[in-house]
Amino acid sequence: MLPILNKEFISKHPDSGVYERIYSYPEKILQFGTGVLLRGLVDYLVDKANKQGIYQGRIVVVKSTDGDTNDFSSQDGLFTTHIKGISQGELVDELLINAAISRVLQSNAGWRQILDAVHQSALQTIISNTTEVGIQYIPERIGKEAPASFPAKLLAILWERFNYLGGSNHTGFVIVPTELVVDNGRLLKDIVLQLAAYNELPATFITWIHEANYFCNSLVDRIVPGKPRNLPAIASAAGYTDQLWIEVEPYLLWAIEGNDIIRKTLGFYQADARMLITTSITPFREQKLRLLNGSHTAAAPLAYLYGLNTVYECMQEEHIRHFFHQVVLKEILPTIAEGCPVATVFAQEVLDRFANPFIAHKLISITFQESSKMNARNVRTLIRYYEQYQVLPPYLCLGFAAMLLFLRPVREEAGKYFGQRAEEEYLITDDNAPVFAAWWKEGTNITAMVTGICADKRLWETDLNTLPGFAAEVASLLTILQTEGVKAFMQLQHQKN
């Protein structure tokens, strides 16, 4: 039987990369969430800094969901990070044992322990990932029991800290939410203040929140698939069992809006240049939205109708790979590179990430809310490209046409719409599916249909018919995709180019 990964195992394996001195480091971070993203990004960076002797602090984790914390306690908080993927064209396959977590507390059963933890003056940082719905206002009173919502939990923790340490300016926290919400730090602070008013907490406490605490907007980017399917075989090769094992891609980005005070508190940022503390994260949000998310949205319907099922398959098929390269490097990148100097490097990293053989990112999943994503991610790029070059971006136009074909229903049942690829049907998971179904029902004239869709204010932030020639180009492409088939068309186009 294989030994379990814990402190005892580490003591018998001096080559593990974990040094015993790390166990004695004080708890400096309170982390809400045990999920794979936080462990694969935040905890990875803290562990990296500790091993370099930079930060010398550990993390006390709050498990917000129901369930026990036995896996963490039996393994003394240790877990394996398996970095797998492509970086700068090279295959990466690296194992690391993470020792950043000191303990894990269940938010309900361990609420008193959590409040006691914030009595430590060394604890100066709070990090969260409670999903996007976690940052919302729910009016509730704070008391002896754990509140239900994360913002109310945070308010209770701040109130405990304020009362225990006296409310001076050096007793506050640096608070960094990582939920994928625009201006997540500002939004969280607004909700906490709203809850403080609801709880009728004193003005001195409100002043302390403003003057002693820093709520930071942040953006995280790392694909963390989590526990591998073939864990028993991998564990056998590693020589130990680990129920907390996670896989991560080589790429990471954590951009935080902050100043020198934030940098001093989050000292572990010095261990990795990909963790950035800067005056604005808007350029990083822009490059991720346009280059990574935007190219996904442009390519997914086309690649799916071509007959492919994952992003990795796209990068192995020459015609769709060519489409991805053209969209990313020739059409999206030029529209943002001037305002975001690091975008050129990021664009190449995006293509490397798409080619990661260890991540099965399903195309049908990417098409979830396809039309809304097209509006949020690519409509502005279409307009910017035309304004810069006075011509239409051909591959984004093709992606738009493929989206319309993908959203063409072959049947409707109980309010659900189904499209068709070859002999199989697929569910169209798009809130605008009824809108497109109505247009296709009337669409005997493709040009008239596309013109109408482009002008439909329910779908786009602007009338796309104001983009000269766009509707005609999309209609022409859509007609060819329908008559020739996506695969035949793509192969022919690639031969021409």
Protein backbone atom coordinates (compact mmCIF):
# COMPACT_ATOMS: atom_id res chain seq x y z
CA MET A 1 0.00 0.00 0.00
CA LEU A 2 1.31 3.43 -0.94
CA PRO A 3 1.99 5.92 1.87
CA ILE A 4 -0.21 9.02 2.09
CA LEU A 5 1.21 12.45 1.41
CA ASN A 6 1.62 14.14 4.81
CA LYS A 7 4.30 15.50 7.12
CA GLU A 8 5.48 12.02 8.02
CA PHE A 9 6.01 11.19 4.34
CA ILE A 10 7.90 14.47 3.82
CA SER A 11 10.18 13.74 6.78
CA LYS A 12 11.28 10.53 5.09
CA HIS A 13 11.84 12.18 1.70
CA PRO A 14 14.28 15.11 1.98
CA ASP A 15 14.14 15.55 -1.80
CA SER A 16 10.43 16.49 -1.71
CA GLY A 17 11.15 20.23 -1.94
CA VAL A 18 9.30 20.94 1.31
CA TYR A 19 11.42 22.26 4.19
CA GLU A 20 10.35 21.76 7.80
CA ARG A 21 10.86 25.43 8.62
CA ILE A 22 7.80 26.21 6.44
CA TYR A 23 5.55 24.55 9.04
CA SER A 24 6.52 27.19 11.61
CA TYR A 25 5.69 30.19 9.43
CA PRO A 26 2.82 32.34 10.83
CA GLU A 27 -0.62 32.42 9.24
CA LYS A 28 -0.72 35.54 7.08
CA ILE A 29 -3.65 34.80 4.76
CA LEU A 30 -7.29 33.90 5.36
CA GLN A 31 -8.56 32.20 2.22
CA PHE A 32 -12.24 31.65 1.49
CA GLY A 33 -12.47 28.59 -0.72
CA THR A 34 -10.76 25.23 -1.13
CA GLY A 35 -11.38 25.04 -4.88
CA VAL A 36 -8.79 24.08 -7.45
CA LEU A 37 -8.36 27.61 -8.86
CA LEU A 38 -7.23 29.06 -5.53
CA ARG A 39 -5.01 26.07 -4.81
CA GLY A 40 -3.58 26.11 -8.33
CA LEU A 41 -2.94 29.84 -8.47
CA VAL A 42 -2.88 31.68 -5.11
CA ASP A 43 -1.57 28.79 -3.00
CA TYR A 44 0.92 27.93 -5.74
CA LEU A 45 2.37 31.44 -5.62
CA VAL A 46 2.54 31.54 -1.81
CA ASP A 47 4.27 28.15 -1.73
CA LYS A 48 6.72 29.26 -4.40
CA ALA A 49 7.60 32.37 -2.41
CA ASN A 50 7.99 30.39 0.82
CA LYS A 51 10.39 27.97 -0.83
CA GLN A 52 12.43 30.94 -2.03
CA GLY A 53 12.45 32.39 1.48
CA ILE A 54 10.61 35.52 0.32
CA TYR A 55 7.23 35.52 2.07
CA GLN A 56 7.43 33.21 5.09
CA GLY A 57 3.69 32.95 5.67
CA ARG A 58 0.98 30.32 5.46
CA ILE A 59 -2.71 30.17 4.68
CA VAL A 60 -5.64 29.28 6.89
CA VAL A 61 -8.45 28.19 4.59
CA VAL A 62 -12.21 28.46 5.09
CA LYS A 63 -14.23 25.72 3.45
CA SER A 64 -17.49 27.45 2.68
CA THR A 65 -19.42 24.50 1.29
CA ASP A 66 -20.86 21.67 3.33
CA GLY A 67 -18.72 18.62 3.91
CA ASP A 68 -15.80 17.63 6.05
CA THR A 69 -12.17 18.69 5.83
CA ASN A 70 -10.74 15.20 6.41
CA ASP A 71 -8.66 15.08 3.22
CA PHE A 72 -6.83 18.24 4.26
CA SER A 73 -6.32 17.23 7.87
CA SER A 74 -5.13 13.70 7.04
CA GLN A 75 -2.59 15.17 4.61
CA ASP A 76 -1.56 18.06 6.92
CA GLY A 77 -2.71 20.48 4.23
CA LEU A 78 -0.15 19.15 1.74
CA PHE A 79 -1.12 18.52 -1.87
CA THR A 80 0.48 17.94 -5.25
CA THR A 81 0.45 20.49 -8.06
CA HIS A 82 1.07 18.82 -11.42
CA ILE A 83 1.98 21.41 -14.06
CA LYS A 84 1.20 19.96 -17.50
CA GLY A 85 0.98 21.62 -20.88
CA ILE A 86 2.76 23.71 -23.49
CA SER A 87 4.90 26.76 -22.72
CA GLN A 88 6.79 28.59 -25.47
CA GLY A 89 6.26 25.58 -27.71
CA GLU A 90 7.82 23.17 -25.21
CA LEU A 91 6.08 20.41 -23.26
CA VAL A 92 5.98 20.98 -19.49
CA ASP A 93 5.45 18.12 -17.03
CA GLU A 94 6.43 19.03 -13.45
CA LEU A 95 5.40 17.82 -9.99
CA LEU A 96 5.44 20.11 -6.93
CA ILE A 97 4.32 19.45 -3.36
CA ASN A 98 2.52 22.48 -1.95
CA ALA A 99 2.91 23.29 1.76
CA ALA A 100 1.23 26.70 1.84
CA ILE A 101 -1.90 25.63 3.76
CA SER A 102 -1.61 25.45 7.56
CA ARG A 103 -5.16 24.26 8.26
CA VAL A 104 -8.68 24.14 6.81
CA LEU A 105 -11.74 25.17 8.83
CA GLN A 106 -15.37 24.48 7.96
CA SER A 107 -17.25 27.79 7.90
CA ASN A 108 -20.18 26.62 10.03
CA ALA A 109 -18.68 24.08 12.42
CA GLY A 110 -15.44 26.04 12.76
CA TRP A 111 -16.81 29.58 12.82
CA ARG A 112 -15.44 30.37 16.29
CA GLN A 113 -12.00 29.16 15.21
CA ILE A 114 -12.20 31.38 12.15
CA LEU A 115 -13.00 34.43 14.28
CA ASP A 116 -10.15 33.51 16.65
CA ALA A 117 -7.80 33.26 13.66
CA VAL A 118 -8.28 36.94 12.81
CA HIS A 119 -6.99 37.86 16.27
CA GLN A 120 -3.49 37.17 14.91
CA SER A 121 -1.78 40.44 14.00
CA ALA A 122 0.30 38.63 11.36
CA LEU A 123 -2.88 37.76 9.47
CA GLN A 124 -3.19 40.70 7.09
CA THR A 125 -4.68 39.33 3.87
CA ILE A 126 -8.08 37.92 2.90
CA ILE A 127 -8.54 36.18 -0.45
CA SER A 128 -11.74 34.69 -1.83
CA ASN A 129 -13.17 32.70 -4.69
CA THR A 130 -16.81 32.02 -3.94
CA THR A 131 -18.01 32.00 -7.60
CA GLU A 132 -19.55 35.03 -9.27
CA VAL A 133 -22.84 34.63 -7.37
CA GLY A 134 -20.91 34.76 -4.10
CA ILE A 135 -20.50 38.53 -4.31
CA GLN A 136 -24.05 39.77 -3.93
CA TYR A 137 -26.02 41.64 -1.33
CA ILE A 138 -28.20 39.51 0.93
CA PRO A 139 -29.54 41.40 3.96
CA GLU A 140 -28.68 39.41 7.10
CA ARG A 141 -27.63 40.06 10.67
CA ILE A 142 -24.22 39.08 11.96
CA GLY A 143 -23.99 37.40 15.35
CA LYS A 144 -22.48 34.38 17.02
CA GLU A 145 -23.25 31.97 14.16
CA ALA A 146 -21.69 31.98 10.70
CA PRO A 147 -23.63 34.18 8.27
CA ALA A 148 -24.87 32.56 5.07
CA SER A 149 -23.34 34.85 2.43
CA PHE A 150 -19.65 35.52 1.90
CA PRO A 151 -19.94 39.35 2.19
CA ALA A 152 -21.71 38.93 5.55
CA LYS A 153 -19.00 36.51 6.71
CA LEU A 154 -16.42 39.09 5.69
CA LEU A 155 -18.27 41.83 7.59
CA ALA A 156 -18.37 39.64 10.71
CA ILE A 157 -14.63 39.01 10.43
CA LEU A 158 -13.88 42.71 10.03
CA TRP A 159 -16.09 43.51 13.03
CA GLU A 160 -14.27 40.86 15.11
CA ARG A 161 -10.88 42.25 14.07
CA PHE A 162 -11.94 45.83 14.80
CA ASN A 163 -13.10 44.96 18.31
CA TYR A 164 -10.21 42.65 19.23
CA LEU A 165 -7.28 44.74 17.96
CA GLY A 166 -8.70 48.14 18.79
CA GLY A 167 -9.44 49.59 15.36
CA SER A 168 -6.16 51.38 14.64
CA ASN A 169 -5.14 51.97 11.04
CA HIS A 170 -2.46 49.26 10.99
CA THR A 171 -4.92 46.49 11.97
CA GLY A 172 -6.85 46.27 8.70
CA PHE A 173 -6.64 43.78 5.84
CA VAL A 174 -5.71 43.70 2.20
CA ILE A 175 -8.78 42.01 0.69
CA VAL A 176 -8.47 40.46 -2.76
CA PRO A 177 -11.52 38.75 -4.28
CA THR A 178 -10.73 36.60 -7.33
CA GLU A 179 -14.31 36.04 -8.48
CA LEU A 180 -14.75 36.71 -12.21
CA VAL A 181 -16.71 39.92 -11.78
CA VAL A 182 -15.67 43.31 -13.17
CA ASP A 183 -14.39 45.57 -10.37
CA ASN A 184 -14.78 42.70 -7.90
CA GLY A 185 -12.96 44.54 -5.09
CA ARG A 186 -15.03 47.70 -5.38
CA LEU A 187 -18.25 45.67 -5.60
CA LEU A 188 -17.36 43.62 -2.51
CA LYS A 189 -16.57 46.75 -0.50
CA ASP A 190 -19.87 48.37 -1.50
CA ILE A 191 -21.79 45.30 -0.33
CA VAL A 192 -19.87 45.08 2.96
CA LEU A 193 -20.66 48.75 3.67
CA GLN A 194 -24.30 48.17 2.77
CA LEU A 195 -24.40 45.24 5.21
CA ALA A 196 -22.68 47.33 7.89
CA ALA A 197 -25.44 49.93 7.56
CA TYR A 198 -28.08 47.20 7.68
CA ASN A 199 -26.50 45.91 10.91
CA GLU A 200 -26.38 49.46 12.31
CA LEU A 201 -22.68 49.22 13.11
CA PRO A 202 -20.99 52.39 14.47
CA ALA A 203 -19.47 55.16 12.41
CA THR A 204 -16.03 54.51 13.90
CA PHE A 205 -16.13 51.01 12.40
CA ILE A 206 -17.20 52.35 8.99
CA THR A 207 -14.30 54.82 9.11
CA TRP A 208 -11.93 51.96 9.96
CA ILE A 209 -13.17 49.97 6.96
CA HIS A 210 -12.40 52.92 4.69
CA GLU A 211 -9.05 53.93 6.21
CA ALA A 212 -7.46 50.67 7.37
CA ASN A 213 -8.63 48.15 4.75
CA TYR A 214 -7.87 47.82 1.06
CA PHE A 215 -10.35 46.13 -1.28
CA CYS A 216 -8.46 45.30 -4.49
CA ASN A 217 -9.87 44.62 -7.93
CA SER A 218 -8.18 41.57 -9.38
CA LEU A 219 -8.14 39.31 -12.42
CA VAL A 220 -7.08 35.66 -12.36
CA ASP A 221 -6.30 33.47 -15.32
CA ARG A 222 -5.18 29.87 -15.09
CA ILE A 223 -6.82 26.68 -16.29
CA VAL A 224 -6.95 24.18 -13.43
CA PRO A 225 -8.64 20.94 -14.55
CA GLY A 226 -8.31 19.55 -11.02
CA LYS A 227 -7.90 15.91 -10.09
CA PRO A 228 -6.70 13.71 -12.99
CA ARG A 229 -8.79 10.77 -14.14
CA ASN A 230 -5.84 8.39 -14.00
CA LEU A 231 -4.85 9.37 -10.46
CA PRO A 232 -4.12 5.79 -9.23
CA ALA A 233 -1.58 5.25 -12.00
CA ILE A 234 0.03 8.66 -11.45
CA ALA A 235 0.13 8.14 -7.68
CA SER A 236 1.81 4.78 -8.17
CA ALA A 237 4.53 6.43 -10.25
CA ALA A 238 4.94 9.22 -7.70
CA GLY A 239 5.16 6.76 -4.80
CA TYR A 240 2.38 8.17 -2.61
CA THR A 241 -1.38 8.74 -2.53
CA ASP A 242 -2.86 12.24 -2.61
CA GLN A 243 -6.61 12.87 -2.66
CA LEU A 244 -5.99 16.59 -3.15
CA TRP A 245 -3.83 16.23 -6.28
CA ILE A 246 -4.52 18.90 -8.92
CA GLU A 247 -3.36 19.47 -12.48
CA VAL A 248 -2.69 22.99 -13.77
CA GLU A 249 -1.56 24.49 -17.04
CA PRO A 250 1.86 26.22 -17.15
CA TYR A 251 0.34 29.64 -17.86
CA LEU A 252 -0.86 31.90 -15.06
CA LEU A 253 -1.77 35.52 -14.52
CA TRP A 254 -2.91 37.29 -11.38
CA ALA A 255 -3.28 41.03 -11.87
CA ILE A 256 -4.20 43.15 -8.84
CA GLU A 257 -4.90 46.86 -8.61
CA GLY A 258 -2.83 48.24 -5.78
CA ASN A 259 -0.07 50.47 -4.43
CA ASP A 260 3.12 50.05 -2.40
CA ILE A 261 1.16 49.14 0.72
CA ILE A 262 -0.48 46.30 -1.18
CA ARG A 263 2.89 45.18 -2.54
CA LYS A 264 4.38 45.09 0.94
CA THR A 265 1.51 43.04 2.35
CA LEU A 266 1.35 40.69 -0.64
CA GLY A 267 5.10 40.18 -0.60
CA PHE A 268 4.82 36.77 -2.23
CA TYR A 269 4.24 38.52 -5.58
CA GLN A 270 8.03 38.84 -5.86
CA ALA A 271 8.37 35.10 -6.47
CA ASP A 272 6.72 35.18 -9.91
CA ALA A 273 6.65 37.99 -12.48
CA ARG A 274 3.25 36.77 -13.64
CA MET A 275 1.67 38.09 -10.44
CA LEU A 276 1.31 41.80 -11.07
CA ILE A 277 0.33 44.60 -8.70
CA THR A 278 -0.42 47.61 -10.84
CA THR A 279 -2.44 50.82 -10.97
CA SER A 280 -5.01 49.37 -13.40
CA ILE A 281 -5.95 45.85 -14.46
CA THR A 282 -8.15 47.06 -17.32
CA PRO A 283 -5.57 46.23 -20.05
CA PHE A 284 -5.24 42.68 -18.74
CA ARG A 285 -9.00 42.22 -18.57
CA GLU A 286 -9.22 43.60 -22.11
CA GLN A 287 -6.61 41.23 -23.54
CA LYS A 288 -8.19 38.20 -21.88
CA LEU A 289 -11.70 39.14 -23.01
CA ARG A 290 -10.69 39.88 -26.60
CA LEU A 291 -7.86 37.45 -27.36
CA LEU A 292 -8.66 34.35 -25.34
CA ASN A 293 -12.42 34.55 -24.86
CA GLY A 294 -13.05 36.36 -28.13
CA SER A 295 -11.19 33.85 -30.29
CA HIS A 296 -12.99 31.00 -28.53
CA THR A 297 -16.33 32.63 -29.34
CA ALA A 298 -15.39 33.28 -32.97
CA ALA A 299 -14.09 29.77 -33.60
CA ALA A 300 -16.22 27.39 -31.53
CA PRO A 301 -19.35 27.22 -33.73
CA LEU A 302 -17.26 26.92 -36.90
CA ALA A 303 -15.02 24.19 -35.47
CA TYR A 304 -17.95 22.30 -33.98
CA LEU A 305 -19.87 22.29 -37.28
CA TYR A 306 -16.61 21.24 -38.97
CA GLY A 307 -16.83 18.06 -36.89
CA LEU A 308 -14.41 18.72 -34.04
CA ASN A 309 -15.20 18.48 -30.33
CA THR A 310 -12.39 20.11 -28.30
CA VAL A 311 -10.08 23.10 -28.59
CA TYR A 312 -7.08 20.77 -28.61
CA GLU A 313 -8.52 18.96 -31.67
CA CYS A 314 -8.80 22.37 -33.35
CA MET A 315 -5.08 22.96 -32.91
CA GLN A 316 -4.32 19.56 -34.47
CA GLU A 317 -6.48 20.17 -37.56
CA GLU A 318 -4.63 22.43 -40.00
CA HIS A 319 -7.65 24.33 -41.37
CA ILE A 320 -9.13 25.26 -37.99
CA ARG A 321 -5.68 25.89 -36.50
CA HIS A 322 -5.10 28.36 -39.32
CA PHE A 323 -8.41 30.05 -38.47
CA PHE A 324 -7.39 30.41 -34.81
CA HIS A 325 -3.99 31.86 -35.73
CA GLN A 326 -5.49 34.37 -38.14
CA VAL A 327 -8.21 35.51 -35.75
CA VAL A 328 -5.82 35.87 -32.79
CA LEU A 329 -2.74 37.32 -34.46
CA LYS A 330 -4.08 39.17 -37.50
CA GLU A 331 -7.50 40.42 -36.50
CA ILE A 332 -7.94 40.71 -32.71
CA LEU A 333 -4.38 41.51 -31.61
CA PRO A 334 -3.95 44.62 -33.84
CA THR A 335 -7.06 46.18 -32.27
CA ILE A 336 -5.70 46.04 -28.70
CA ALA A 337 -1.90 45.87 -28.93
CA GLU A 338 -1.40 49.66 -28.82
CA GLY A 339 -3.32 50.03 -25.57
CA CYS A 340 -1.90 46.87 -24.02
CA PRO A 341 1.85 46.44 -24.63
CA VAL A 342 1.99 42.89 -23.25
CA ALA A 343 -0.83 41.70 -25.54
CA THR A 344 1.56 40.38 -28.21
CA VAL A 345 3.17 38.00 -25.75
CA PHE A 346 -0.23 37.05 -24.35
CA ALA A 347 -1.54 36.26 -27.85
CA GLN A 348 1.17 33.67 -28.41
CA GLU A 349 0.58 32.25 -24.94
CA VAL A 350 -3.12 31.88 -25.81
CA LEU A 351 -2.25 29.73 -28.81
CA ASP A 352 0.09 27.62 -26.67
CA ARG A 353 -2.69 27.11 -24.15
CA PHE A 354 -5.14 26.06 -26.86
CA ALA A 355 -2.62 23.41 -27.95
CA ASN A 356 -2.36 21.87 -24.47
CA PRO A 357 -2.93 18.11 -24.99
CA PHE A 358 -3.84 17.62 -21.33
CA ILE A 359 -6.92 19.86 -21.33
CA ALA A 360 -10.14 18.69 -23.03
CA HIS A 361 -12.03 21.98 -23.43
CA LYS A 362 -15.28 21.07 -25.17
CA LEU A 363 -16.41 23.29 -28.02
CA ILE A 364 -20.08 22.73 -27.26
CA SER A 365 -19.45 24.13 -23.77
CA ILE A 366 -17.84 27.24 -25.24
CA THR A 367 -20.99 27.87 -27.31
CA PHE A 368 -23.02 28.40 -24.12
CA GLN A 369 -24.69 31.83 -24.55
CA GLU A 370 -22.83 32.20 -27.85
CA SER A 371 -24.68 35.26 -29.15
CA SER A 372 -24.26 37.23 -25.91
CA LYS A 373 -20.58 36.36 -25.87
CA MET A 374 -20.23 37.44 -29.50
CA ASN A 375 -21.72 40.80 -28.57
CA ALA A 376 -19.57 41.28 -25.45
CA ARG A 377 -16.31 40.00 -26.89
CA ASN A 378 -16.19 40.51 -30.65
CA VAL A 379 -18.58 43.23 -31.83
CA ARG A 380 -16.28 45.96 -30.52
CA THR A 381 -13.32 44.20 -32.18
CA LEU A 382 -15.15 44.14 -35.53
CA ILE A 383 -15.76 47.87 -35.30
CA ARG A 384 -12.21 48.67 -34.17
CA TYR A 385 -10.71 46.61 -36.99
CA TYR A 386 -12.78 48.39 -39.62
CA GLU A 387 -11.94 51.79 -38.15
CA GLN A 388 -8.22 50.97 -38.31
CA TYR A 389 -8.02 49.37 -41.76
CA GLN A 390 -11.23 50.41 -43.59
CA VAL A 391 -11.84 46.76 -44.48
CA LEU A 392 -13.72 43.96 -42.75
CA PRO A 393 -11.83 41.26 -40.81
CA PRO A 394 -12.49 38.16 -42.97
CA TYR A 395 -12.10 35.50 -40.29
CA LEU A 396 -14.27 37.26 -37.72
CA CYS A 397 -16.90 37.65 -40.43
CA LEU A 398 -16.66 33.93 -41.12
CA GLY A 399 -16.98 33.19 -37.40
CA PHE A 400 -20.09 35.37 -37.25
CA ALA A 401 -21.64 33.53 -40.21
CA ALA A 402 -20.84 30.16 -38.62
CA MET A 403 -22.52 31.34 -35.42
CA LEU A 404 -25.72 32.07 -37.33
CA LEU A 405 -25.61 28.61 -38.87
CA PHE A 406 -24.94 27.02 -35.50
CA LEU A 407 -27.95 28.87 -34.02
CA ARG A 408 -30.26 27.60 -36.77
CA PRO A 409 -32.71 25.22 -35.09
CA VAL A 410 -33.97 22.07 -36.80
CA ARG A 411 -36.61 21.50 -34.13
CA GLU A 412 -38.07 22.94 -30.95
CA GLU A 413 -39.36 20.92 -28.04
CA ALA A 414 -40.71 22.19 -24.70
CA GLY A 415 -39.08 25.56 -25.23
CA LYS A 416 -35.70 24.05 -26.11
CA TYR A 417 -34.07 24.46 -29.51
CA PHE A 418 -31.89 21.89 -31.24
CA GLY A 419 -29.41 22.34 -34.07
CA GLN A 420 -27.93 19.64 -36.25
CA ARG A 421 -24.40 18.57 -37.11
CA ALA A 422 -24.30 15.84 -39.72
CA GLU A 423 -26.58 13.11 -38.31
CA GLU A 424 -26.56 14.28 -34.69
CA GLU A 425 -28.55 16.94 -32.89
CA TYR A 426 -27.19 19.35 -30.29
CA LEU A 427 -28.92 21.56 -27.74
CA ILE A 428 -28.63 25.29 -28.43
CA THR A 429 -27.92 26.77 -24.98
CA ASP A 430 -28.50 30.43 -25.74
CA ASP A 431 -31.06 32.77 -24.16
CA ASN A 432 -31.50 34.37 -27.58
CA ALA A 433 -32.34 31.06 -29.27
CA PRO A 434 -36.03 32.05 -29.75
CA VAL A 435 -34.93 35.26 -31.48
CA PHE A 436 -32.72 33.42 -33.95
CA ALA A 437 -35.35 30.72 -34.44
CA ALA A 438 -37.84 33.41 -35.47
CA TRP A 439 -35.36 34.94 -37.92
CA TRP A 440 -34.55 31.55 -39.45
CA LYS A 441 -38.26 30.78 -39.76
CA GLU A 442 -38.65 33.88 -41.93
CA GLY A 443 -35.26 33.46 -43.57
CA THR A 444 -36.14 32.45 -47.14
CA ASN A 445 -33.98 35.37 -48.24
CA ILE A 446 -30.61 35.00 -46.50
CA THR A 447 -29.48 38.56 -47.19
CA ALA A 448 -32.69 40.03 -45.77
CA MET A 449 -32.45 37.72 -42.73
CA VAL A 450 -28.85 38.65 -41.97
CA THR A 451 -29.60 42.35 -42.42
CA GLY A 452 -32.47 42.02 -39.96
CA ILE A 453 -30.36 40.12 -37.44
CA CYS A 454 -27.60 42.73 -37.66
CA ALA A 455 -30.11 45.47 -36.83
CA ASP A 456 -31.82 43.59 -33.99
CA LYS A 457 -31.30 45.70 -30.85
CA ARG A 458 -32.09 42.69 -28.66
CA LEU A 459 -28.81 41.12 -29.75
CA TRP A 460 -26.09 43.72 -30.31
CA GLU A 461 -24.79 46.85 -28.66
CA THR A 462 -24.99 48.64 -32.02
CA ASP A 463 -26.63 48.26 -35.43
CA LEU A 464 -24.11 46.14 -37.31
CA ASN A 465 -25.50 47.39 -40.62
CA THR A 466 -23.58 50.61 -39.94
CA LEU A 467 -20.45 48.54 -40.59
CA PRO A 468 -20.11 48.94 -44.39
CA GLY A 469 -20.54 45.65 -46.24
CA PHE A 470 -20.75 43.50 -43.10
CA ALA A 471 -24.26 42.11 -43.57
CA ALA A 472 -23.63 41.35 -47.25
CA GLU A 473 -20.33 39.58 -46.47
CA VAL A 474 -21.87 37.50 -43.68
CA ALA A 475 -24.85 36.60 -45.86
CA SER A 476 -22.54 35.48 -48.66
CA LEU A 477 -20.46 33.34 -46.29
CA LEU A 478 -23.54 31.88 -44.63
CA THR A 479 -24.97 30.86 -48.02
CA ILE A 480 -21.74 29.10 -48.96
CA LEU A 481 -21.48 27.35 -45.58
CA GLN A 482 -25.02 26.06 -46.03
CA THR A 483 -24.60 24.86 -49.60
CA GLU A 484 -21.04 23.51 -49.53
CA GLY A 485 -20.78 22.46 -45.90
CA VAL A 486 -18.36 23.88 -43.32
CA LYS A 487 -15.66 21.27 -43.79
CA ALA A 488 -15.54 21.50 -47.57
CA PHE A 489 -15.55 25.30 -47.46
CA MET A 490 -12.73 25.50 -44.92
CA GLN A 491 -10.54 23.08 -46.81
CA LEU A 492 -11.07 24.98 -50.06
CA GLN A 493 -10.39 28.36 -48.44
CA HIS A 494 -7.20 27.11 -46.83
CA GLN A 495 -5.97 25.82 -50.22
CA LYS A 496 -6.64 29.24 -51.78
CA ASN A 497 -4.67 31.01 -49.04
